[in-house]
């Protein structure tokens, strides 16, 4: 019995992956909605309190679809960038990111999550963090368009800090609507509601 338990424990430790750390701390507003956001086939756009935009998508219904790799391949074609097969493979296993696509290869090549976090902090200090959303180089629009071309069933989730300027959120919503995304989930914290029973 102990051998079986040890075997199962070893199996789960070797096959499980830890959830990657978020690139920015986002304190979402509270709501009373109890609707759960989908955990598969979701494109996540996070906006921190400074208005920086972060992007994440999953690999689709299962890991064989390799949606993250396909999206990165198309982004590389769009921006005439080159990634190695190892970088595509590594990117498929990573989480959210917030930087121009031209810097992604440096972020991917870091050997562990601590180094990637350190790189992301360097970008924050150099004010180069966040996915560009300006009219000159609207990379967020390309990420959304290409992701929806690769996975047509993907749902969109937006997670914004409660201190984020409304204009930044509206700009992201305008980009989504420009790409024909009119249905999305807003991530909030569940507000505790006390119910009083009257007799």
Foldseek 3Di string as FASTA:
>chain_A
DVVVVVVVVVVCVVPDDDAADDLDDAAFAADADPDDDDPFQAWEWEAELVLFIKIWGACGPDVVLLLQLQLLVVVCVVVVHDDDPVLSVQSNPDGMAWAENVCSNVLSPDPDSVVNSVVQVVCVVVVGTHYDCDPVCRVVLSSVLSSCVSPVPHAYEYEYHPNHDVVSVVSVVVSCVVSVRPDHHYDHHNDDDDDDDDD
